[in-house]
Structure formats: C-alpha cells, structure tokens
Amino acid sequence: FRTLSNRQKNISLCLELTQDLPSASELDRWFGEPIKSVIVPTSLFVNNRKGYPVLSQPHQQVLLKLFKVSTIN
C-alpha cells in the first residue's frame, strides 16, 4: 500500500475485521501498514458465560497486536 501511494504520510488505512481472520503471515504484512482505525462489526461479538458480549480469542489477539504495533509507530 505504501508503495502504491508513493509513501504519502497523510494516507492511512482502516481495516474491518471479519469472521474469518487471515493467516498469521497475512496479518503480519498488514501490521506493517499505516493502520489508523479498525471497524469491529457487532456481529463478531458473542455472549460469554455471564451473558456479556465479548470477542472470540483470535479476534482479541488481533486487536491486542494492533494496539501494541500502534504504540510503536
């Protein structure tokens, strides 16, 4: 993406999480891009044992990694 945009600093990405997550290697490539926001559809949330809406563990891991990467950039 950066190459196609001539490395413009004012262009960033917004990702939308889906039910099917990409492979770990695909996610690592996306984490190298200038991601500024993530759309998390309400349909991804499931109820836990207490009835509260939560994300699945794999989705939580993706978001945690995005948070860690964004604090570095």
PDB file of N, CA and C in Angstrom:
ATOM      1  N   PHE A   1       0.831  -1.195   0.000  1.00  0.00           N
ATOM      2  CA  PHE A   1       0.000   0.000   0.000  1.00  0.00           C
ATOM      3  C   PHE A   1       0.873   1.257   0.000  1.00  0.00           C
ATOM      4  N   ARG A   2       1.900   1.241   0.817  1.00  0.00           N
ATOM      5  CA  ARG A   2       2.784   2.408   0.885  1.00  0.00           C
ATOM      6  C   ARG A   2       3.443   2.680  -0.457  1.00  0.00           C
ATOM      7  N   THR A   3       3.849   1.627  -1.149  1.00  0.00           N
ATOM      8  CA  THR A   3       4.486   1.802  -2.445  1.00  0.00           C
ATOM      9  C   THR A   3       3.520   2.412  -3.447  1.00  0.00           C
ATOM     10  N   LEU A   4       2.292   1.937  -3.455  1.00  0.00           N
ATOM     11  CA  LEU A   4       1.292   2.458  -4.392  1.00  0.00           C
ATOM     12  C   LEU A   4       0.926   3.907  -4.110  1.00  0.00           C
ATOM     13  N   SER A   5       1.032   4.337  -2.879  1.00  0.00           N
ATOM     14  CA  SER A   5       0.668   5.714  -2.533  1.00  0.00           C
ATOM     15  C   SER A   5       1.886   6.646  -2.489  1.00  0.00           C
ATOM     16  N   ASN A   6       3.011   6.182  -3.061  1.00  0.00           N
ATOM     17  CA  ASN A   6       4.231   6.981  -3.067  1.00  0.00           C
ATOM     18  C   ASN A   6       4.651   7.416  -1.664  1.00  0.00           C
ATOM     19  N   ARG A   7       4.374   6.552  -0.686  1.00  0.00           N
ATOM     20  CA  ARG A   7       4.760   6.778   0.710  1.00  0.00           C
ATOM     21  C   ARG A   7       4.227   8.090   1.287  1.00  0.00           C
ATOM     22  N   GLN A   8       3.015   8.450   0.880  1.00  0.00           N
ATOM     23  CA  GLN A   8       2.373   9.658   1.412  1.00  0.00           C
ATOM     24  C   GLN A   8       2.096   9.468   2.897  1.00  0.00           C
ATOM     25  N   LYS A   9       2.538  10.395   3.712  1.00  0.00           N
ATOM     26  CA  LYS A   9       2.367  10.293   5.168  1.00  0.00           C
ATOM     27  C   LYS A   9       0.932  10.564   5.608  1.00  0.00           C
ATOM     28  N   ASN A  10       0.161  11.285   4.788  1.00  0.00           N
ATOM     29  CA  ASN A  10      -1.197  11.643   5.194  1.00  0.00           C
ATOM     30  C   ASN A  10      -2.229  10.596   4.782  1.00  0.00           C
ATOM     31  N   ILE A  11      -1.802   9.472   4.236  1.00  0.00           N
ATOM     32  CA  ILE A  11      -2.713   8.394   3.866  1.00  0.00           C
ATOM     33  C   ILE A  11      -2.526   7.255   4.854  1.00  0.00           C
ATOM     34  N   SER A  12      -3.634   6.783   5.410  1.00  0.00           N
ATOM     35  CA  SER A  12      -3.573   5.650   6.322  1.00  0.00           C
ATOM     36  C   SER A  12      -4.732   4.710   6.013  1.00  0.00           C
ATOM     37  N   LEU A  13      -4.740   3.572   6.666  1.00  0.00           N
ATOM     38  CA  LEU A  13      -5.735   2.539   6.393  1.00  0.00           C
ATOM     39  C   LEU A  13      -6.726   2.374   7.527  1.00  0.00           C
ATOM     40  N   CYS A  14      -7.898   1.892   7.155  1.00  0.00           N
ATOM     41  CA  CYS A  14      -8.902   1.449   8.111  1.00  0.00           C
ATOM     42  C   CYS A  14      -9.212  -0.001   7.749  1.00  0.00           C
ATOM     43  N   LEU A  15      -9.025  -0.911   8.675  1.00  0.00           N
ATOM     44  CA  LEU A  15      -9.332  -2.317   8.441  1.00  0.00           C
ATOM     45  C   LEU A  15     -10.673  -2.668   9.059  1.00  0.00           C
ATOM     46  N   GLU A  16     -11.348  -3.610   8.435  1.00  0.00           N
ATOM     47  CA  GLU A  16     -12.593  -4.123   9.008  1.00  0.00           C
ATOM     48  C   GLU A  16     -12.386  -5.594   9.326  1.00  0.00           C
ATOM     49  N   LEU A  17     -12.582  -5.950  10.577  1.00  0.00           N
ATOM     50  CA  LEU A  17     -12.462  -7.348  10.977  1.00  0.00           C
ATOM     51  C   LEU A  17     -13.665  -8.120  10.442  1.00  0.00           C
ATOM     52  N   THR A  18     -13.413  -9.355  10.046  1.00  0.00           N
ATOM     53  CA  THR A  18     -14.487 -10.235   9.596  1.00  0.00           C
ATOM     54  C   THR A  18     -14.450 -11.507  10.437  1.00  0.00           C
ATOM     55  N   GLN A  19     -15.436 -12.329  10.256  1.00  0.00           N
ATOM     56  CA  GLN A  19     -15.495 -13.595  10.999  1.00  0.00           C
ATOM     57  C   GLN A  19     -14.271 -14.447  10.692  1.00  0.00           C
ATOM     58  N   ASP A  20     -13.880 -14.502   9.425  1.00  0.00           N
ATOM     59  CA  ASP A  20     -12.721 -15.286   9.015  1.00  0.00           C
ATOM     60  C   ASP A  20     -11.486 -14.401   9.027  1.00  0.00           C
ATOM     61  N   LEU A  21     -10.577 -14.695   9.923  1.00  0.00           N
ATOM     62  CA  LEU A  21      -9.343 -13.917  10.017  1.00  0.00           C
ATOM     63  C   LEU A  21      -8.309 -14.446   9.027  1.00  0.00           C
ATOM     64  N   PRO A  22      -7.476 -13.558   8.488  1.00  0.00           N
ATOM     65  CA  PRO A  22      -6.403 -14.003   7.597  1.00  0.00           C
ATOM     66  C   PRO A  22      -5.348 -14.803   8.364  1.00  0.00           C
ATOM     67  N   SER A  23      -4.449 -15.414   7.620  1.00  0.00           N
ATOM     68  CA  SER A  23      -3.369 -16.176   8.250  1.00  0.00           C
ATOM     69  C   SER A  23      -2.447 -15.239   9.018  1.00  0.00           C
ATOM     70  N   ALA A  24      -1.621 -15.811   9.868  1.00  0.00           N
ATOM     71  CA  ALA A  24      -0.694 -15.015  10.674  1.00  0.00           C
ATOM     72  C   ALA A  24       0.274 -14.227   9.790  1.00  0.00           C
ATOM     73  N   SER A  25       0.734 -14.844   8.704  1.00  0.00           N
ATOM     74  CA  SER A  25       1.675 -14.134   7.820  1.00  0.00           C
ATOM     75  C   SER A  25       0.987 -12.972   7.102  1.00  0.00           C
ATOM     76  N   GLU A  26      -0.277 -13.141   6.725  1.00  0.00           N
ATOM     77  CA  GLU A  26      -1.018 -12.034   6.104  1.00  0.00           C
ATOM     78  C   GLU A  26      -1.242 -10.901   7.108  1.00  0.00           C
ATOM     79  N   LEU A  27      -1.569 -11.262   8.337  1.00  0.00           N
ATOM     80  CA  LEU A  27      -1.761 -10.242   9.367  1.00  0.00           C
ATOM     81  C   LEU A  27      -0.466  -9.478   9.625  1.00  0.00           C
ATOM     82  N   ASP A  28       0.649 -10.175   9.652  1.00  0.00           N
ATOM     83  CA  ASP A  28       1.926  -9.502   9.871  1.00  0.00           C
ATOM     84  C   ASP A  28       2.222  -8.487   8.774  1.00  0.00           C
ATOM     85  N   ARG A  29       1.847  -8.797   7.542  1.00  0.00           N
ATOM     86  CA  ARG A  29       2.034  -7.831   6.454  1.00  0.00           C
ATOM     87  C   ARG A  29       1.165  -6.609   6.681  1.00  0.00           C
ATOM     88  N   TRP A  30      -0.086  -6.800   7.121  1.00  0.00           N
ATOM     89  CA  TRP A  30      -0.975  -5.657   7.369  1.00  0.00           C
ATOM     90  C   TRP A  30      -0.472  -4.810   8.526  1.00  0.00           C
ATOM     91  N   PHE A  31       0.124  -5.456   9.537  1.00  0.00           N
ATOM     92  CA  PHE A  31       0.617  -4.709  10.693  1.00  0.00           C
ATOM     93  C   PHE A  31       1.765  -3.776  10.311  1.00  0.00           C
ATOM     94  N   GLY A  32       2.379  -3.999   9.171  1.00  0.00           N
ATOM     95  CA  GLY A  32       3.427  -3.114   8.690  1.00  0.00           C
ATOM     96  C   GLY A  32       2.904  -1.887   7.979  1.00  0.00           C
ATOM     97  N   GLU A  33       1.607  -1.809   7.784  1.00  0.00           N
ATOM     98  CA  GLU A  33       0.989  -0.675   7.084  1.00  0.00           C
ATOM     99  C   GLU A  33       0.527   0.378   8.088  1.00  0.00           C
ATOM    100  N   PRO A  34       0.268   1.597   7.601  1.00  0.00           N
ATOM    101  CA  PRO A  34      -0.163   2.687   8.498  1.00  0.00           C
ATOM    102  C   PRO A  34      -1.652   2.592   8.851  1.00  0.00           C
ATOM    103  N   ILE A  35      -1.997   1.664   9.737  1.00  0.00           N
ATOM    104  CA  ILE A  35      -3.394   1.455  10.140  1.00  0.00           C
ATOM    105  C   ILE A  35      -3.744   2.471  11.223  1.00  0.00           C
ATOM    106  N   LYS A  36      -4.806   3.219  10.999  1.00  0.00           N
ATOM    107  CA  LYS A  36      -5.226   4.239  11.967  1.00  0.00           C
ATOM    108  C   LYS A  36      -6.543   3.891  12.643  1.00  0.00           C
ATOM    109  N   SER A  37      -7.325   2.983  12.041  1.00  0.00           N
ATOM    110  CA  SER A  37      -8.596   2.614  12.667  1.00  0.00           C
ATOM    111  C   SER A  37      -8.990   1.206  12.243  1.00  0.00           C
ATOM    112  N   VAL A  38      -9.855   0.606  13.062  1.00  0.00           N
ATOM    113  CA  VAL A  38     -10.346  -0.746  12.804  1.00  0.00           C
ATOM    114  C   VAL A  38     -11.856  -0.755  13.035  1.00  0.00           C
ATOM    115  N   ILE A  39     -12.576  -1.324  12.093  1.00  0.00           N
ATOM    116  CA  ILE A  39     -14.028  -1.489  12.239  1.00  0.00           C
ATOM    117  C   ILE A  39     -14.273  -2.888  12.804  1.00  0.00           C
ATOM    118  N   VAL A  40     -15.005  -2.936  13.909  1.00  0.00           N
ATOM    119  CA  VAL A  40     -15.347  -4.211  14.534  1.00  0.00           C
ATOM    120  C   VAL A  40     -16.871  -4.328  14.511  1.00  0.00           C
ATOM    121  N   PRO A  41     -17.418  -5.076  13.549  1.00  0.00           N
ATOM    122  CA  PRO A  41     -18.875  -5.214  13.458  1.00  0.00           C
ATOM    123  C   PRO A  41     -19.457  -5.891  14.708  1.00  0.00           C
ATOM    124  N   THR A  42     -20.640  -5.483  15.083  1.00  0.00           N
ATOM    125  CA  THR A  42     -21.285  -6.070  16.258  1.00  0.00           C
ATOM    126  C   THR A  42     -21.557  -7.557  16.061  1.00  0.00           C
ATOM    127  N   SER A  43     -21.632  -8.004  14.819  1.00  0.00           N
ATOM    128  CA  SER A  43     -21.907  -9.422  14.552  1.00  0.00           C
ATOM    129  C   SER A  43     -20.758 -10.328  15.003  1.00  0.00           C
ATOM    130  N   LEU A  44     -19.588  -9.767  15.258  1.00  0.00           N
ATOM    131  CA  LEU A  44     -18.444 -10.566  15.713  1.00  0.00           C
ATOM    132  C   LEU A  44     -18.505 -10.881  17.201  1.00  0.00           C
ATOM    133  N   PHE A  45     -19.327 -10.170  17.934  1.00  0.00           N
ATOM    134  CA  PHE A  45     -19.403 -10.372  19.375  1.00  0.00           C
ATOM    135  C   PHE A  45     -20.302 -11.564  19.699  1.00  0.00           C
ATOM    136  N   VAL A  46     -19.869 -12.336  20.679  1.00  0.00           N
ATOM    137  CA  VAL A  46     -20.645 -13.469  21.195  1.00  0.00           C
ATOM    138  C   VAL A  46     -20.836 -13.255  22.691  1.00  0.00           C
ATOM    139  N   ASN A  47     -21.836 -13.882  23.256  1.00  0.00           N
ATOM    140  CA  ASN A  47     -22.078 -13.755  24.691  1.00  0.00           C
ATOM    141  C   ASN A  47     -21.201 -14.740  25.458  1.00  0.00           C
ATOM    142  N   ASN A  48     -20.583 -14.239  26.528  1.00  0.00           N
ATOM    143  CA  ASN A  48     -19.803 -15.138  27.378  1.00  0.00           C
ATOM    144  C   ASN A  48     -20.741 -15.839  28.360  1.00  0.00           C
ATOM    145  N   ARG A  49     -20.172 -16.581  29.308  1.00  0.00           N
ATOM    146  CA  ARG A  49     -20.995 -17.351  30.261  1.00  0.00           C
ATOM    147  C   ARG A  49     -21.907 -16.468  31.105  1.00  0.00           C
ATOM    148  N   LYS A  50     -21.473 -15.237  31.345  1.00  0.00           N
ATOM    149  CA  LYS A  50     -22.290 -14.323  32.149  1.00  0.00           C
ATOM    150  C   LYS A  50     -23.252 -13.506  31.303  1.00  0.00           C
ATOM    151  N   GLY A  51     -23.246 -13.733  29.987  1.00  0.00           N
ATOM    152  CA  GLY A  51     -24.166 -13.037  29.115  1.00  0.00           C
ATOM    153  C   GLY A  51     -23.656 -11.722  28.544  1.00  0.00           C
ATOM    154  N   TYR A  52     -22.394 -11.395  28.807  1.00  0.00           N
ATOM    155  CA  TYR A  52     -21.818 -10.151  28.296  1.00  0.00           C
ATOM    156  C   TYR A  52     -21.228 -10.375  26.905  1.00  0.00           C
ATOM    157  N   PRO A  53     -21.354  -9.392  26.027  1.00  0.00           N
ATOM    158  CA  PRO A  53     -20.779  -9.545  24.682  1.00  0.00           C
ATOM    159  C   PRO A  53     -19.251  -9.423  24.721  1.00  0.00           C
ATOM    160  N   VAL A  54     -18.587 -10.382  24.088  1.00  0.00           N
ATOM    161  CA  VAL A  54     -17.123 -10.391  24.007  1.00  0.00           C
ATOM    162  C   VAL A  54     -16.722 -10.837  22.604  1.00  0.00           C
ATOM    163  N   LEU A  55     -15.481 -10.559  22.261  1.00  0.00           N
ATOM    164  CA  LEU A  55     -14.941 -11.061  21.005  1.00  0.00           C
ATOM    165  C   LEU A  55     -14.301 -12.420  21.238  1.00  0.00           C
ATOM    166  N   SER A  56     -14.220 -13.213  20.186  1.00  0.00           N
ATOM    167  CA  SER A  56     -13.540 -14.504  20.297  1.00  0.00           C
ATOM    168  C   SER A  56     -12.065 -14.267  20.613  1.00  0.00           C
ATOM    169  N   GLN A  57     -11.401 -15.267  21.145  1.00  0.00           N
ATOM    170  CA  GLN A  57      -9.987 -15.144  21.491  1.00  0.00           C
ATOM    171  C   GLN A  57      -9.130 -14.736  20.288  1.00  0.00           C
ATOM    172  N   PRO A  58      -9.320 -15.366  19.108  1.00  0.00           N
ATOM    173  CA  PRO A  58      -8.498 -14.949  17.955  1.00  0.00           C
ATOM    174  C   PRO A  58      -8.696 -13.474  17.592  1.00  0.00           C
ATOM    175  N   HIS A  59      -9.909 -12.981  17.663  1.00  0.00           N
ATOM    176  CA  HIS A  59     -10.170 -11.573  17.356  1.00  0.00           C
ATOM    177  C   HIS A  59      -9.545 -10.666  18.421  1.00  0.00           C
ATOM    178  N   GLN A  60      -9.609 -11.092  19.670  1.00  0.00           N
ATOM    179  CA  GLN A  60      -8.977 -10.320  20.741  1.00  0.00           C
ATOM    180  C   GLN A  60      -7.472 -10.240  20.523  1.00  0.00           C
ATOM    181  N   GLN A  61      -6.865 -11.345  20.090  1.00  0.00           N
ATOM    182  CA  GLN A  61      -5.420 -11.368  19.864  1.00  0.00           C
ATOM    183  C   GLN A  61      -5.020 -10.424  18.735  1.00  0.00           C
ATOM    184  N   VAL A  62      -5.832 -10.368  17.675  1.00  0.00           N
ATOM    185  CA  VAL A  62      -5.547  -9.452  16.570  1.00  0.00           C
ATOM    186  C   VAL A  62      -5.591  -8.012  17.064  1.00  0.00           C
ATOM    187  N   LEU A  63      -6.616  -7.665  17.823  1.00  0.00           N
ATOM    188  CA  LEU A  63      -6.729  -6.295  18.327  1.00  0.00           C
ATOM    189  C   LEU A  63      -5.588  -5.953  19.288  1.00  0.00           C
ATOM    190  N   LEU A  64      -5.226  -6.883  20.152  1.00  0.00           N
ATOM    191  CA  LEU A  64      -4.112  -6.634  21.081  1.00  0.00           C
ATOM    192  C   LEU A  64      -2.814  -6.382  20.320  1.00  0.00           C
ATOM    193  N   LYS A  65      -2.577  -7.172  19.282  1.00  0.00           N
ATOM    194  CA  LYS A  65      -1.370  -6.971  18.496  1.00  0.00           C
ATOM    195  C   LYS A  65      -1.417  -5.624  17.775  1.00  0.00           C
ATOM    196  N   LEU A  66      -2.585  -5.242  17.270  1.00  0.00           N
ATOM    197  CA  LEU A  66      -2.715  -3.918  16.629  1.00  0.00           C
ATOM    198  C   LEU A  66      -2.429  -2.798  17.621  1.00  0.00           C
ATOM    199  N   PHE A  67      -2.910  -2.939  18.852  1.00  0.00           N
ATOM    200  CA  PHE A  67      -2.642  -1.926  19.864  1.00  0.00           C
ATOM    201  C   PHE A  67      -1.151  -1.827  20.138  1.00  0.00           C
ATOM    202  N   LYS A  68      -0.484  -2.965  20.240  1.00  0.00           N
ATOM    203  CA  LYS A  68       0.958  -2.959  20.501  1.00  0.00           C
ATOM    204  C   LYS A  68       1.735  -2.327  19.347  1.00  0.00           C
ATOM    205  N   VAL A  69       1.370  -2.687  18.118  1.00  0.00           N
ATOM    206  CA  VAL A  69       2.042  -2.138  16.940  1.00  0.00           C
ATOM    207  C   VAL A  69       1.799  -0.634  16.840  1.00  0.00           C
ATOM    208  N   SER A  70       0.587  -0.186  17.145  1.00  0.00           N
ATOM    209  CA  SER A  70       0.271   1.235  17.002  1.00  0.00           C
ATOM    210  C   SER A  70       1.003   2.091  18.030  1.00  0.00           C
ATOM    211  N   THR A  71       1.365   1.526  19.165  1.00  0.00           N
ATOM    212  CA  THR A  71       2.101   2.319  20.155  1.00  0.00           C
ATOM    213  C   THR A  71       3.558   2.456  19.758  1.00  0.00           C
ATOM    214  N   ILE A  72       4.038   1.566  18.917  1.00  0.00           N
ATOM    215  CA  ILE A  72       5.416   1.643  18.446  1.00  0.00           C
ATOM    216  C   ILE A  72       5.549   2.677  17.332  1.00  0.00           C
ATOM    217  N   ASN A  73       4.566   2.691  16.414  1.00  0.00           N
ATOM    218  CA  ASN A  73       4.630   3.595  15.252  1.00  0.00           C
ATOM    219  C   ASN A  73       4.360   5.014  15.621  1.00  0.00           C
TER     220      ASN A  73
END
